[in-house]
């Protein structure tokens, strides 16, 4: 359970960090900066695919916790609600 909470917190932190980067309105000023931004975007797309898999794993784990009993979920549900609201 503690590893799950730590991993969920790390994932939420990563999403919040990337949200700030993605909200930037820097579109590049010349060819070199545009190309650098494209490389960053491609790297982000690879990472987001990996995070998507991790979120699926979290979802499966929460479903297992639901079966185990609601007493295990108080922290998990509040963390997921915070993440889903984003």
N, C-alpha and C. Protein backbone atom coordinates (compact mmCIF):
# COMPACT_ATOMS: atom_id res chain seq x y z
N UNK A 1 0.83 -1.19 0.00
CA UNK A 1 0.00 0.00 0.00
C UNK A 1 0.86 1.25 0.00
N UNK A 2 1.93 1.24 0.81
CA UNK A 2 2.79 2.43 0.89
C UNK A 2 3.51 2.69 -0.43
N UNK A 3 3.93 1.63 -1.10
CA UNK A 3 4.58 1.80 -2.40
C UNK A 3 3.60 2.39 -3.41
N UNK A 4 2.35 1.94 -3.35
CA UNK A 4 1.33 2.49 -4.23
C UNK A 4 1.14 3.98 -3.99
N UNK A 5 1.03 4.37 -2.72
CA UNK A 5 0.83 5.77 -2.38
C UNK A 5 2.01 6.61 -2.87
N UNK A 6 3.22 6.11 -2.67
CA UNK A 6 4.41 6.83 -3.13
C UNK A 6 4.39 6.96 -4.64
N UNK A 7 4.09 5.87 -5.34
CA UNK A 7 4.05 5.91 -6.80
C UNK A 7 2.94 6.82 -7.32
N UNK A 8 1.80 6.79 -6.66
CA UNK A 8 0.70 7.67 -7.06
C UNK A 8 1.08 9.13 -6.85
N UNK A 9 1.71 9.45 -5.72
CA UNK A 9 2.16 10.82 -5.48
C UNK A 9 3.18 11.25 -6.52
N UNK A 10 4.11 10.37 -6.86
CA UNK A 10 5.12 10.69 -7.88
C UNK A 10 4.46 10.95 -9.22
N UNK A 11 3.47 10.15 -9.57
CA UNK A 11 2.78 10.33 -10.84
C UNK A 11 2.01 11.63 -10.87
N UNK A 12 1.33 11.95 -9.79
CA UNK A 12 0.59 13.21 -9.72
C UNK A 12 1.55 14.39 -9.83
N UNK A 13 2.67 14.31 -9.15
CA UNK A 13 3.68 15.36 -9.23
C UNK A 13 4.20 15.51 -10.66
N UNK A 14 4.46 14.39 -11.33
CA UNK A 14 4.94 14.42 -12.71
C UNK A 14 3.91 15.09 -13.62
N UNK A 15 2.64 14.74 -13.44
CA UNK A 15 1.57 15.31 -14.27
C UNK A 15 1.48 16.82 -14.04
N UNK A 16 1.55 17.24 -12.79
CA UNK A 16 1.48 18.67 -12.49
C UNK A 16 2.66 19.42 -13.09
N UNK A 17 3.85 18.81 -13.02
CA UNK A 17 5.05 19.43 -13.59
C UNK A 17 4.91 19.57 -15.11
N UNK A 18 4.44 18.53 -15.77
CA UNK A 18 4.28 18.57 -17.22
C UNK A 18 3.16 19.51 -17.63
N UNK A 19 2.15 19.64 -16.80
CA UNK A 19 1.05 20.56 -17.09
C UNK A 19 1.59 21.99 -17.19
N UNK A 20 2.49 22.35 -16.30
CA UNK A 20 3.09 23.68 -16.36
C UNK A 20 3.89 23.87 -17.64
N UNK A 21 4.66 22.85 -18.02
CA UNK A 21 5.46 22.95 -19.25
C UNK A 21 4.58 23.04 -20.49
N UNK A 22 3.50 22.27 -20.50
CA UNK A 22 2.62 22.26 -21.67
C UNK A 22 1.80 23.53 -21.81
N UNK A 23 1.62 24.25 -20.73
CA UNK A 23 0.84 25.49 -20.81
C UNK A 23 1.68 26.67 -21.29
N UNK A 24 2.96 26.44 -21.53
CA UNK A 24 3.85 27.48 -22.04
C UNK A 24 3.40 27.92 -23.43
N UNK A 25 3.53 29.18 -23.70
CA UNK A 25 3.17 29.71 -25.02
C UNK A 25 4.41 30.00 -25.85
N UNK A 26 5.53 29.38 -25.49
CA UNK A 26 6.76 29.52 -26.26
C UNK A 26 6.69 28.60 -27.46
N UNK A 27 6.57 29.18 -28.64
CA UNK A 27 6.45 28.40 -29.86
C UNK A 27 7.75 28.39 -30.67
N UNK A 28 8.79 28.97 -30.12
CA UNK A 28 10.07 29.04 -30.80
C UNK A 28 10.17 30.32 -31.63
N UNK A 29 11.40 30.81 -31.75
CA UNK A 29 11.61 32.07 -32.46
C UNK A 29 12.37 31.88 -33.76
N UNK A 30 12.98 30.74 -33.90
CA UNK A 30 13.71 30.43 -35.13
C UNK A 30 13.67 28.92 -35.33
N UNK A 31 14.25 28.48 -36.41
CA UNK A 31 14.20 27.06 -36.76
C UNK A 31 14.81 26.18 -35.67
N UNK A 32 15.92 26.59 -35.09
CA UNK A 32 16.60 25.79 -34.06
C UNK A 32 15.73 25.61 -32.83
N UNK A 33 15.08 26.68 -32.36
CA UNK A 33 14.25 26.55 -31.16
C UNK A 33 12.98 25.75 -31.45
N UNK A 34 12.44 25.90 -32.66
CA UNK A 34 11.26 25.11 -33.04
C UNK A 34 11.63 23.63 -33.07
N UNK A 35 12.78 23.30 -33.65
CA UNK A 35 13.22 21.91 -33.70
C UNK A 35 13.45 21.35 -32.29
N UNK A 36 14.02 22.18 -31.41
CA UNK A 36 14.23 21.74 -30.03
C UNK A 36 12.89 21.48 -29.34
N UNK A 37 11.91 22.32 -29.60
CA UNK A 37 10.58 22.12 -29.01
C UNK A 37 9.93 20.85 -29.56
N UNK A 38 10.15 20.56 -30.83
CA UNK A 38 9.60 19.33 -31.42
C UNK A 38 10.22 18.10 -30.76
N UNK A 39 11.52 18.13 -30.53
CA UNK A 39 12.20 17.01 -29.86
C UNK A 39 11.64 16.85 -28.44
N UNK A 40 11.44 17.97 -27.74
CA UNK A 40 10.85 17.91 -26.39
C UNK A 40 9.46 17.28 -26.44
N UNK A 41 8.67 17.69 -27.43
CA UNK A 41 7.31 17.17 -27.56
C UNK A 41 7.33 15.67 -27.82
N UNK A 42 8.22 15.22 -28.68
CA UNK A 42 8.31 13.79 -28.97
C UNK A 42 8.71 13.00 -27.72
N UNK A 43 9.64 13.55 -26.96
CA UNK A 43 10.03 12.91 -25.70
C UNK A 43 8.87 12.85 -24.72
N UNK A 44 8.10 13.94 -24.68
CA UNK A 44 6.93 13.98 -23.80
C UNK A 44 5.92 12.91 -24.20
N UNK A 45 5.70 12.76 -25.50
CA UNK A 45 4.73 11.77 -25.97
C UNK A 45 5.13 10.35 -25.57
N UNK A 46 6.42 10.06 -25.62
CA UNK A 46 6.90 8.74 -25.18
C UNK A 46 6.63 8.57 -23.69
N UNK A 47 6.96 9.60 -22.90
CA UNK A 47 6.76 9.52 -21.45
C UNK A 47 5.29 9.41 -21.08
N UNK A 48 4.43 10.12 -21.79
CA UNK A 48 3.01 10.09 -21.45
C UNK A 48 2.42 8.71 -21.73
N UNK A 49 2.93 8.03 -22.74
CA UNK A 49 2.49 6.65 -23.00
C UNK A 49 2.87 5.75 -21.84
N UNK A 50 4.08 5.93 -21.31
CA UNK A 50 4.52 5.14 -20.16
C UNK A 50 3.68 5.48 -18.93
N UNK A 51 3.37 6.75 -18.73
CA UNK A 51 2.54 7.16 -17.59
C UNK A 51 1.14 6.60 -17.72
N UNK A 52 0.64 6.50 -18.94
CA UNK A 52 -0.69 5.95 -19.16
C UNK A 52 -0.74 4.50 -18.69
N UNK A 53 0.31 3.75 -18.99
CA UNK A 53 0.39 2.36 -18.53
C UNK A 53 0.41 2.32 -17.01
N UNK A 54 1.18 3.22 -16.41
CA UNK A 54 1.27 3.27 -14.94
C UNK A 54 -0.09 3.62 -14.33
N UNK A 55 -0.81 4.54 -14.94
CA UNK A 55 -2.14 4.90 -14.44
C UNK A 55 -3.10 3.72 -14.54
N UNK A 56 -2.96 2.93 -15.58
CA UNK A 56 -3.78 1.73 -15.72
C UNK A 56 -3.47 0.74 -14.59
N UNK A 57 -2.20 0.60 -14.27
CA UNK A 57 -1.79 -0.28 -13.16
C UNK A 57 -2.39 0.22 -11.85
N UNK A 58 -2.33 1.55 -11.64
CA UNK A 58 -2.92 2.13 -10.42
C UNK A 58 -4.41 1.82 -10.36
N UNK A 59 -5.08 1.94 -11.48
CA UNK A 59 -6.51 1.68 -11.53
C UNK A 59 -6.82 0.23 -11.15
N UNK A 60 -6.04 -0.69 -11.68
CA UNK A 60 -6.22 -2.11 -11.34
C UNK A 60 -5.99 -2.35 -9.85
N UNK A 61 -4.97 -1.69 -9.31
CA UNK A 61 -4.65 -1.85 -7.89
C UNK A 61 -5.80 -1.32 -7.03
N UNK A 62 -6.36 -0.20 -7.41
CA UNK A 62 -7.48 0.35 -6.64
C UNK A 62 -8.68 -0.58 -6.70
N UNK A 63 -8.91 -1.17 -7.85
CA UNK A 63 -10.01 -2.14 -7.94
C UNK A 63 -9.78 -3.32 -7.00
N UNK A 64 -8.53 -3.76 -6.88
CA UNK A 64 -8.21 -4.83 -5.93
C UNK A 64 -8.46 -4.36 -4.50
N UNK A 65 -8.13 -3.11 -4.21
CA UNK A 65 -8.37 -2.58 -2.86
C UNK A 65 -9.86 -2.50 -2.56
N UNK A 66 -10.64 -2.16 -3.57
CA UNK A 66 -12.09 -2.11 -3.38
C UNK A 66 -12.63 -3.46 -2.95
N UNK A 67 -12.09 -4.50 -3.54
CA UNK A 67 -12.51 -5.85 -3.18
C UNK A 67 -12.06 -6.17 -1.75
N UNK A 68 -10.87 -5.69 -1.36
CA UNK A 68 -10.32 -5.96 -0.03
C UNK A 68 -11.11 -5.27 1.07
N UNK A 69 -11.64 -4.11 0.77
CA UNK A 69 -12.42 -3.39 1.77
C UNK A 69 -12.17 -1.90 1.67
N UNK A 70 -13.20 -1.12 1.95
CA UNK A 70 -13.11 0.33 1.79
C UNK A 70 -12.14 1.01 2.77
N UNK A 71 -11.80 0.35 3.87
CA UNK A 71 -10.91 0.98 4.84
C UNK A 71 -9.52 1.25 4.25
N UNK A 72 -9.15 0.53 3.21
CA UNK A 72 -7.84 0.70 2.56
C UNK A 72 -7.83 1.88 1.61
N UNK A 73 -9.00 2.41 1.29
CA UNK A 73 -9.08 3.34 0.17
C UNK A 73 -9.14 4.82 0.53
N UNK A 74 -9.25 5.19 1.77
CA UNK A 74 -9.49 6.59 2.09
C UNK A 74 -8.43 7.50 1.47
N UNK A 75 -7.17 7.16 1.63
CA UNK A 75 -6.10 7.97 1.06
C UNK A 75 -6.07 7.84 -0.45
N UNK A 76 -6.18 6.62 -0.97
CA UNK A 76 -6.08 6.38 -2.40
C UNK A 76 -7.15 7.11 -3.18
N UNK A 77 -8.38 7.07 -2.70
CA UNK A 77 -9.47 7.72 -3.40
C UNK A 77 -9.28 9.22 -3.42
N UNK A 78 -8.86 9.80 -2.30
CA UNK A 78 -8.66 11.25 -2.29
C UNK A 78 -7.54 11.66 -3.24
N UNK A 79 -6.49 10.87 -3.32
CA UNK A 79 -5.39 11.17 -4.24
C UNK A 79 -5.86 11.05 -5.69
N UNK A 80 -6.59 10.00 -6.00
CA UNK A 80 -7.07 9.84 -7.36
C UNK A 80 -8.08 10.92 -7.73
N UNK A 81 -8.93 11.29 -6.82
CA UNK A 81 -9.89 12.37 -7.08
C UNK A 81 -9.13 13.65 -7.44
N UNK A 82 -8.07 13.93 -6.70
CA UNK A 82 -7.27 15.11 -6.97
C UNK A 82 -6.67 15.03 -8.37
N UNK A 83 -6.19 13.86 -8.74
CA UNK A 83 -5.57 13.69 -10.05
C UNK A 83 -6.61 13.76 -11.16
N UNK A 84 -7.75 13.14 -10.96
CA UNK A 84 -8.81 13.12 -11.99
C UNK A 84 -9.38 14.50 -12.22
N UNK A 85 -9.46 15.30 -11.16
CA UNK A 85 -9.99 16.65 -11.29
C UNK A 85 -9.12 17.55 -12.16
N UNK A 86 -7.88 17.16 -12.36
CA UNK A 86 -6.97 17.96 -13.19
C UNK A 86 -7.35 17.77 -14.59
